[in-house]
């Protein structure tokens, strides 16, 4: 069953001010072909669209990025999000590709790069880390954990994880937690 959501319903469920939600929607989605100020149609959202708006709004409100930078981050990671199941959710509260939510944490780290010819536009470098395995290790009184990560880079150029993680303006997001928060609030 395909479920559509309205602005008012989403603002209430996601606990976001309605005017703020509409502003985020205008910032991160293309114009609604059916909607308009006097058309009488309210914009309807599929999960893919509402997750994009929520993610973009999170970049604006919590990470304090500009609208332009938030749009750029969203545009550059959208194809990765889609191919990794972040837009696949059905009305039953399950990811279409898996029978459960993202059990392993997926972290998105990004940092700005100095653009070689432009002072006005910021380019970003992205590191996506997926937790593959967690093994406890250590003796009594000495707690240690060994974590194995899988890493992807966007764009796939020559740079290392440490160049992103050690950047002074690095931002990190637990994408699994963000996804699970949206799903939990929608299914309440």
C-alpha atoms as a PDB file:
ATOM      1  CA  UNK A   1       0.000   0.000   0.000  1.00  0.00           C
ATOM      2  CA  UNK A   2       1.392   3.392  -0.950  1.00  0.00           C
ATOM      3  CA  UNK A   3       0.984   5.937   1.792  1.00  0.00           C
ATOM      4  CA  UNK A   4       0.956   9.677   1.128  1.00  0.00           C
ATOM      5  CA  UNK A   5       1.440  12.266   3.846  1.00  0.00           C
ATOM      6  CA  UNK A   6       0.380  15.910   3.967  1.00  0.00           C
ATOM      7  CA  UNK A   7       2.350  18.863   5.356  1.00  0.00           C
ATOM      8  CA  UNK A   8       0.181  19.191   8.439  1.00  0.00           C
ATOM      9  CA  UNK A   9       0.289  15.478   9.216  1.00  0.00           C
ATOM     10  CA  UNK A  10       4.079  15.315   8.827  1.00  0.00           C
ATOM     11  CA  UNK A  11       4.712  18.433  10.883  1.00  0.00           C
ATOM     12  CA  UNK A  12       2.614  16.978  13.684  1.00  0.00           C
ATOM     13  CA  UNK A  13       4.122  13.471  13.578  1.00  0.00           C
ATOM     14  CA  UNK A  14       7.730  14.611  13.166  1.00  0.00           C
ATOM     15  CA  UNK A  15       7.293  17.374  15.773  1.00  0.00           C
ATOM     16  CA  UNK A  16       8.382  20.153  13.437  1.00  0.00           C
ATOM     17  CA  UNK A  17       6.722  23.545  13.192  1.00  0.00           C
ATOM     18  CA  UNK A  18       4.365  23.543  10.164  1.00  0.00           C
ATOM     19  CA  UNK A  19       5.781  26.764   8.683  1.00  0.00           C
ATOM     20  CA  UNK A  20       9.322  25.399   9.095  1.00  0.00           C
ATOM     21  CA  UNK A  21       8.347  22.094   7.424  1.00  0.00           C
ATOM     22  CA  UNK A  22       6.831  23.945   4.460  1.00  0.00           C
ATOM     23  CA  UNK A  23       9.953  26.115   4.153  1.00  0.00           C
ATOM     24  CA  UNK A  24      12.191  23.015   4.206  1.00  0.00           C
ATOM     25  CA  UNK A  25       9.957  21.393   1.608  1.00  0.00           C
ATOM     26  CA  UNK A  26      10.268  24.368  -0.740  1.00  0.00           C
ATOM     27  CA  UNK A  27      14.040  24.374  -0.207  1.00  0.00           C
ATOM     28  CA  UNK A  28      14.718  20.687  -0.868  1.00  0.00           C
ATOM     29  CA  UNK A  29      12.041  19.459  -3.273  1.00  0.00           C
ATOM     30  CA  UNK A  30      11.133  20.598  -6.776  1.00  0.00           C
ATOM     31  CA  UNK A  31       7.864  22.537  -7.155  1.00  0.00           C
ATOM     32  CA  UNK A  32       4.748  20.437  -6.750  1.00  0.00           C
ATOM     33  CA  UNK A  33       3.176  20.030 -10.211  1.00  0.00           C
ATOM     34  CA  UNK A  34      -0.349  19.813  -8.769  1.00  0.00           C
ATOM     35  CA  UNK A  35      -0.001  22.282  -5.960  1.00  0.00           C
ATOM     36  CA  UNK A  36       0.151  25.998  -5.827  1.00  0.00           C
ATOM     37  CA  UNK A  37      -1.087  28.813  -3.694  1.00  0.00           C
ATOM     38  CA  UNK A  38      -4.592  28.778  -5.166  1.00  0.00           C
ATOM     39  CA  UNK A  39      -4.852  25.357  -6.772  1.00  0.00           C
ATOM     40  CA  UNK A  40      -6.741  23.745  -3.902  1.00  0.00           C
ATOM     41  CA  UNK A  41      -4.325  20.794  -3.774  1.00  0.00           C
ATOM     42  CA  UNK A  42      -2.120  20.120  -0.795  1.00  0.00           C
ATOM     43  CA  UNK A  43       1.320  18.666  -1.453  1.00  0.00           C
ATOM     44  CA  UNK A  44       1.527  14.949  -0.771  1.00  0.00           C
ATOM     45  CA  UNK A  45       4.735  13.167   0.190  1.00  0.00           C
ATOM     46  CA  UNK A  46       6.019   9.679  -0.366  1.00  0.00           C
ATOM     47  CA  UNK A  47       8.565   8.408   2.156  1.00  0.00           C
ATOM     48  CA  UNK A  48      11.425   9.209  -0.225  1.00  0.00           C
ATOM     49  CA  UNK A  49      10.410  12.870  -0.386  1.00  0.00           C
ATOM     50  CA  UNK A  50       9.687  13.286   3.302  1.00  0.00           C
ATOM     51  CA  UNK A  51      13.028  11.705   4.266  1.00  0.00           C
ATOM     52  CA  UNK A  52      14.836  14.108   1.916  1.00  0.00           C
ATOM     53  CA  UNK A  53      13.063  17.080   3.495  1.00  0.00           C
ATOM     54  CA  UNK A  54      13.708  15.829   7.038  1.00  0.00           C
ATOM     55  CA  UNK A  55      17.394  15.136   6.294  1.00  0.00           C
ATOM     56  CA  UNK A  56      17.822  18.547   4.643  1.00  0.00           C
ATOM     57  CA  UNK A  57      16.053  20.209   7.554  1.00  0.00           C
ATOM     58  CA  UNK A  58      18.328  18.382   9.970  1.00  0.00           C
ATOM     59  CA  UNK A  59      21.359  19.756   8.129  1.00  0.00           C
ATOM     60  CA  UNK A  60      19.889  23.260   8.408  1.00  0.00           C
ATOM     61  CA  UNK A  61      18.552  23.222  11.947  1.00  0.00           C
ATOM     62  CA  UNK A  62      21.031  21.027  13.811  1.00  0.00           C
ATOM     63  CA  UNK A  63      24.285  21.271  11.870  1.00  0.00           C
ATOM     64  CA  UNK A  64      23.699  24.956  11.034  1.00  0.00           C
ATOM     65  CA  UNK A  65      24.618  24.607   7.358  1.00  0.00           C
ATOM     66  CA  UNK A  66      23.325  27.184   4.901  1.00  0.00           C
ATOM     67  CA  UNK A  67      20.439  26.287   2.582  1.00  0.00           C
ATOM     68  CA  UNK A  68      22.855  26.189  -0.365  1.00  0.00           C
ATOM     69  CA  UNK A  69      25.290  23.865   1.412  1.00  0.00           C
ATOM     70  CA  UNK A  70      22.453  21.674   2.711  1.00  0.00           C
ATOM     71  CA  UNK A  71      21.056  21.350  -0.821  1.00  0.00           C
ATOM     72  CA  UNK A  72      24.497  20.464  -2.152  1.00  0.00           C
ATOM     73  CA  UNK A  73      25.026  17.760   0.496  1.00  0.00           C
ATOM     74  CA  UNK A  74      21.555  16.361  -0.154  1.00  0.00           C
ATOM     75  CA  UNK A  75      22.052  16.339  -3.932  1.00  0.00           C
ATOM     76  CA  UNK A  76      25.435  14.640  -3.682  1.00  0.00           C
ATOM     77  CA  UNK A  77      24.370  11.842  -1.323  1.00  0.00           C
ATOM     78  CA  UNK A  78      20.837  11.231  -2.669  1.00  0.00           C
ATOM     79  CA  UNK A  79      21.885   8.501  -5.099  1.00  0.00           C
ATOM     80  CA  UNK A  80      23.862   6.757  -2.354  1.00  0.00           C
ATOM     81  CA  UNK A  81      20.908   7.004   0.058  1.00  0.00           C
ATOM     82  CA  UNK A  82      18.581   5.552  -2.575  1.00  0.00           C
ATOM     83  CA  UNK A  83      20.858   2.657  -3.477  1.00  0.00           C
ATOM     84  CA  UNK A  84      21.381   1.782   0.197  1.00  0.00           C
ATOM     85  CA  UNK A  85      17.716   1.584   1.189  1.00  0.00           C
ATOM     86  CA  UNK A  86      17.153   4.872   2.978  1.00  0.00           C
ATOM     87  CA  UNK A  87      14.209   5.739   0.725  1.00  0.00           C
ATOM     88  CA  UNK A  88      12.655   2.262   0.834  1.00  0.00           C
ATOM     89  CA  UNK A  89      10.004   2.056   3.495  1.00  0.00           C
ATOM     90  CA  UNK A  90       6.496   0.704   3.292  1.00  0.00           C
ATOM     91  CA  UNK A  91       3.446   1.541   5.390  1.00  0.00           C
ATOM     92  CA  UNK A  92       3.957  -1.457   7.687  1.00  0.00           C
ATOM     93  CA  UNK A  93       7.048   0.232   9.116  1.00  0.00           C
ATOM     94  CA  UNK A  94       9.586  -2.017   7.442  1.00  0.00           C
ATOM     95  CA  UNK A  95      12.342  -1.321   5.010  1.00  0.00           C
ATOM     96  CA  UNK A  96      11.363  -2.870   1.670  1.00  0.00           C
ATOM     97  CA  UNK A  97      14.812  -4.381   1.158  1.00  0.00           C
ATOM     98  CA  UNK A  98      15.170  -5.795   4.683  1.00  0.00           C
ATOM     99  CA  UNK A  99      12.723  -7.106   7.226  1.00  0.00           C
ATOM    100  CA  UNK A 100      14.269  -4.896   9.912  1.00  0.00           C
ATOM    101  CA  UNK A 101      15.663  -1.407  10.299  1.00  0.00           C
ATOM    102  CA  UNK A 102      19.343  -0.683   9.801  1.00  0.00           C
ATOM    103  CA  UNK A 103      20.751  -2.956  12.497  1.00  0.00           C
ATOM    104  CA  UNK A 104      24.323  -1.836  11.811  1.00  0.00           C
ATOM    105  CA  UNK A 105      25.137   1.808  12.232  1.00  0.00           C
ATOM    106  CA  UNK A 106      25.744   3.790   9.067  1.00  0.00           C
ATOM    107  CA  UNK A 107      27.615   7.041   9.626  1.00  0.00           C
ATOM    108  CA  UNK A 108      27.981   9.878   7.139  1.00  0.00           C
ATOM    109  CA  UNK A 109      30.984  12.145   7.707  1.00  0.00           C
ATOM    110  CA  UNK A 110      31.601  15.148   5.505  1.00  0.00           C
ATOM    111  CA  UNK A 111      33.834  18.173   5.415  1.00  0.00           C
ATOM    112  CA  UNK A 112      34.161  21.193   3.124  1.00  0.00           C
ATOM    113  CA  UNK A 113      36.913  21.495   0.569  1.00  0.00           C
ATOM    114  CA  UNK A 114      38.359  24.660  -0.824  1.00  0.00           C
ATOM    115  CA  UNK A 115      37.112  24.953  -4.395  1.00  0.00           C
ATOM    116  CA  UNK A 116      39.998  25.459  -6.793  1.00  0.00           C
ATOM    117  CA  UNK A 117      38.524  28.381  -8.737  1.00  0.00           C
ATOM    118  CA  UNK A 118      35.500  29.508  -6.811  1.00  0.00           C
ATOM    119  CA  UNK A 119      35.227  31.403  -3.552  1.00  0.00           C
ATOM    120  CA  UNK A 120      31.439  31.294  -3.377  1.00  0.00           C
ATOM    121  CA  UNK A 121      30.640  27.593  -3.774  1.00  0.00           C
ATOM    122  CA  UNK A 122      31.725  24.975  -1.259  1.00  0.00           C
ATOM    123  CA  UNK A 123      32.603  21.465  -2.362  1.00  0.00           C
ATOM    124  CA  UNK A 124      32.333  18.584   0.063  1.00  0.00           C
ATOM    125  CA  UNK A 125      34.149  15.323   0.605  1.00  0.00           C
ATOM    126  CA  UNK A 126      32.156  12.426   2.083  1.00  0.00           C
ATOM    127  CA  UNK A 127      33.065   9.319   4.032  1.00  0.00           C
ATOM    128  CA  UNK A 128      30.388   6.707   4.689  1.00  0.00           C
ATOM    129  CA  UNK A 129      31.214   4.180   7.382  1.00  0.00           C
ATOM    130  CA  UNK A 130      29.163   1.058   7.985  1.00  0.00           C
ATOM    131  CA  UNK A 131      29.733  -0.997  11.096  1.00  0.00           C
ATOM    132  CA  UNK A 132      30.322  -4.546   9.881  1.00  0.00           C
ATOM    133  CA  UNK A 133      31.331  -6.330  13.081  1.00  0.00           C
ATOM    134  CA  UNK A 134      31.691  -5.524  16.776  1.00  0.00           C
ATOM    135  CA  UNK A 135      33.713  -7.852  19.004  1.00  0.00           C
ATOM    136  CA  UNK A 136      34.240  -7.322  22.739  1.00  0.00           C
ATOM    137  CA  UNK A 137      37.834  -7.770  23.808  1.00  0.00           C
ATOM    138  CA  UNK A 138      39.686  -7.332  27.035  1.00  0.00           C
ATOM    139  CA  UNK A 139      39.966  -8.671  30.516  1.00  0.00           C
ATOM    140  CA  UNK A 140      38.067  -7.996  33.716  1.00  0.00           C
ATOM    141  CA  UNK A 141      38.160  -4.299  34.496  1.00  0.00           C
ATOM    142  CA  UNK A 142      39.591  -3.419  31.084  1.00  0.00           C
ATOM    143  CA  UNK A 143      36.766  -3.023  28.611  1.00  0.00           C
ATOM    144  CA  UNK A 144      37.762  -2.894  24.961  1.00  0.00           C
ATOM    145  CA  UNK A 145      35.825  -3.320  21.745  1.00  0.00           C
ATOM    146  CA  UNK A 146      37.110  -4.077  18.263  1.00  0.00           C
ATOM    147  CA  UNK A 147      34.930  -2.538  15.548  1.00  0.00           C
ATOM    148  CA  UNK A 148      35.272  -3.409  11.863  1.00  0.00           C
ATOM    149  CA  UNK A 149      34.068  -0.770   9.388  1.00  0.00           C
ATOM    150  CA  UNK A 150      33.331  -0.776   5.691  1.00  0.00           C
ATOM    151  CA  UNK A 151      34.094   2.581   4.070  1.00  0.00           C
ATOM    152  CA  UNK A 152      32.865   4.339   0.930  1.00  0.00           C
ATOM    153  CA  UNK A 153      33.966   7.707  -0.381  1.00  0.00           C
ATOM    154  CA  UNK A 154      31.999  10.275  -2.369  1.00  0.00           C
ATOM    155  CA  UNK A 155      33.421  11.336  -4.768  1.00  0.00           C
ATOM    156  CA  UNK A 156      35.600   8.305  -5.272  1.00  0.00           C
ATOM    157  CA  UNK A 157      38.809  10.285  -5.533  1.00  0.00           C
ATOM    158  CA  UNK A 158      42.135   9.854  -3.858  1.00  0.00           C
ATOM    159  CA  UNK A 159      41.645  10.792  -0.223  1.00  0.00           C
ATOM    160  CA  UNK A 160      41.799   8.954   3.079  1.00  0.00           C
ATOM    161  CA  UNK A 161      39.333   8.527   5.905  1.00  0.00           C
ATOM    162  CA  UNK A 162      41.662  10.383   8.244  1.00  0.00           C
ATOM    163  CA  UNK A 163      41.642  13.449   5.964  1.00  0.00           C
ATOM    164  CA  UNK A 164      37.875  13.671   6.516  1.00  0.00           C
ATOM    165  CA  UNK A 165      37.784  12.643  10.183  1.00  0.00           C
ATOM    166  CA  UNK A 166      40.594  15.015  11.203  1.00  0.00           C
ATOM    167  CA  UNK A 167      39.248  18.014   9.316  1.00  0.00           C
ATOM    168  CA  UNK A 168      38.368  20.816  11.781  1.00  0.00           C
ATOM    169  CA  UNK A 169      35.008  21.461  10.063  1.00  0.00           C
ATOM    170  CA  UNK A 170      33.980  17.794   9.853  1.00  0.00           C
ATOM    171  CA  UNK A 171      30.321  16.928  10.462  1.00  0.00           C
ATOM    172  CA  UNK A 172      29.137  13.451  11.417  1.00  0.00           C
ATOM    173  CA  UNK A 173      25.632  12.006  11.209  1.00  0.00           C
ATOM    174  CA  UNK A 174      24.351   8.636  12.332  1.00  0.00           C
ATOM    175  CA  UNK A 175      22.128   7.995   9.300  1.00  0.00           C
ATOM    176  CA  UNK A 176      20.710   4.795  10.810  1.00  0.00           C
ATOM    177  CA  UNK A 177      19.483   6.688  13.868  1.00  0.00           C
ATOM    178  CA  UNK A 178      18.039   9.483  11.716  1.00  0.00           C
ATOM    179  CA  UNK A 179      16.171   6.933   9.572  1.00  0.00           C
ATOM    180  CA  UNK A 180      14.934   4.995  12.618  1.00  0.00           C
ATOM    181  CA  UNK A 181      13.747   8.244  14.252  1.00  0.00           C
ATOM    182  CA  UNK A 182      11.661   9.176  11.208  1.00  0.00           C
ATOM    183  CA  UNK A 183      10.150   5.685  10.959  1.00  0.00           C
ATOM    184  CA  UNK A 184       9.400   5.542  14.703  1.00  0.00           C
ATOM    185  CA  UNK A 185       7.651   8.919  14.659  1.00  0.00           C
ATOM    186  CA  UNK A 186       5.587   8.001  11.597  1.00  0.00           C
ATOM    187  CA  UNK A 187       4.414   4.708  13.094  1.00  0.00           C
ATOM    188  CA  UNK A 188       3.361   6.095  16.499  1.00  0.00           C
END
